Amino acid sequence: MAFSVGNLIHRTIVFGSLAFGIYGTVVIGQNVMVKRDQIKLAMAQQRAEAQAAAAAGGPPPEASPAPTASA
């Protein structure tokens, strides 16, 4: 295989783009999983607070809006 500057530049661009795309996909996937876990935790805490208030016979705690997956 012949070495040329154009070949080197082309390979750098192609493999760099692939690596950046894979890295970006992994990071986005991790962010989605973390956000989903945070939402599940917040909903479980709200459920626990509501059950504790119901068991105590008091009014339910102030309803705060559930976190959304956006942002």
Protein backbone atom coordinates (compact mmCIF):
# COMPACT_ATOMS: atom_id res chain seq x y z
CA MET A 1 0.00 0.00 0.00
CA ALA A 2 1.37 3.35 -0.96
CA PHE A 3 1.73 6.07 1.63
CA SER A 4 0.41 9.48 0.78
CA VAL A 5 -0.61 12.54 2.70
CA GLY A 6 -4.08 12.42 1.17
CA ASN A 7 -4.50 8.81 2.28
CA LEU A 8 -3.43 9.72 5.81
CA ILE A 9 -5.80 12.68 5.97
CA HIS A 10 -8.68 10.60 4.60
CA ARG A 11 -8.13 7.80 7.12
CA THR A 12 -7.84 10.31 9.96
CA ILE A 13 -11.14 11.91 9.03
CA VAL A 14 -12.99 8.62 8.48
CA PHE A 15 -11.80 6.83 11.61
CA GLY A 16 -12.01 9.98 13.72
CA SER A 17 -15.62 10.48 12.66
CA LEU A 18 -16.45 6.85 13.46
CA ALA A 19 -14.81 7.07 16.88
CA PHE A 20 -16.55 10.35 17.69
CA GLY A 21 -19.91 8.91 16.62
CA ILE A 22 -19.47 5.82 18.78
CA TYR A 23 -18.32 7.92 21.75
CA GLY A 24 -21.29 10.27 21.35
CA THR A 25 -23.72 7.37 21.19
CA VAL A 26 -22.30 5.88 24.38
CA VAL A 27 -22.45 9.19 26.25
CA ILE A 28 -26.03 9.88 25.15
CA GLY A 29 -27.04 6.35 26.15
CA GLN A 30 -25.51 6.77 29.59
CA ASN A 31 -27.29 10.10 30.08
CA VAL A 32 -30.62 8.53 29.14
CA MET A 33 -30.10 5.69 31.63
CA VAL A 34 -29.12 8.08 34.44
CA LYS A 35 -32.12 10.35 33.77
CA ARG A 36 -34.47 7.33 33.75
CA ASP A 37 -33.05 6.15 37.09
CA GLN A 38 -33.45 9.64 38.58
CA ILE A 39 -37.10 9.75 37.49
CA LYS A 40 -37.76 6.30 38.98
CA LEU A 41 -36.14 7.37 42.26
CA ALA A 42 -38.15 10.61 42.43
CA MET A 43 -41.41 8.77 41.77
CA ALA A 44 -40.59 6.16 44.43
CA GLN A 45 -39.86 8.92 46.96
CA GLN A 46 -43.15 10.64 46.17
CA ARG A 47 -45.00 7.34 46.56
CA ALA A 48 -43.29 6.68 49.90
CA GLU A 49 -44.16 10.17 51.17
CA ALA A 50 -47.79 9.76 50.13
CA GLN A 51 -48.01 6.35 51.81
CA ALA A 52 -46.42 7.70 55.00
CA ALA A 53 -48.88 10.60 55.07
CA ALA A 54 -51.81 8.26 54.48
CA ALA A 55 -50.62 5.94 57.26
CA ALA A 56 -50.34 8.91 59.63
CA GLY A 57 -53.86 9.99 58.75
CA GLY A 58 -52.78 13.41 57.59
CA PRO A 59 -53.35 15.09 54.29
CA PRO A 60 -51.09 14.01 51.44
CA PRO A 61 -47.94 16.07 50.94
CA GLU A 62 -47.93 18.89 48.43
CA ALA A 63 -47.95 17.38 44.98
CA SER A 64 -44.86 18.42 43.12
CA PRO A 65 -44.70 17.87 39.38
CA ALA A 66 -43.04 14.62 38.38
CA PRO A 67 -39.70 15.07 36.66
CA THR A 68 -39.76 14.56 32.93
CA ALA A 69 -37.27 12.82 30.68
CA SER A 70 -36.66 15.97 28.63
CA ALA A 71 -33.62 18.19 29.13
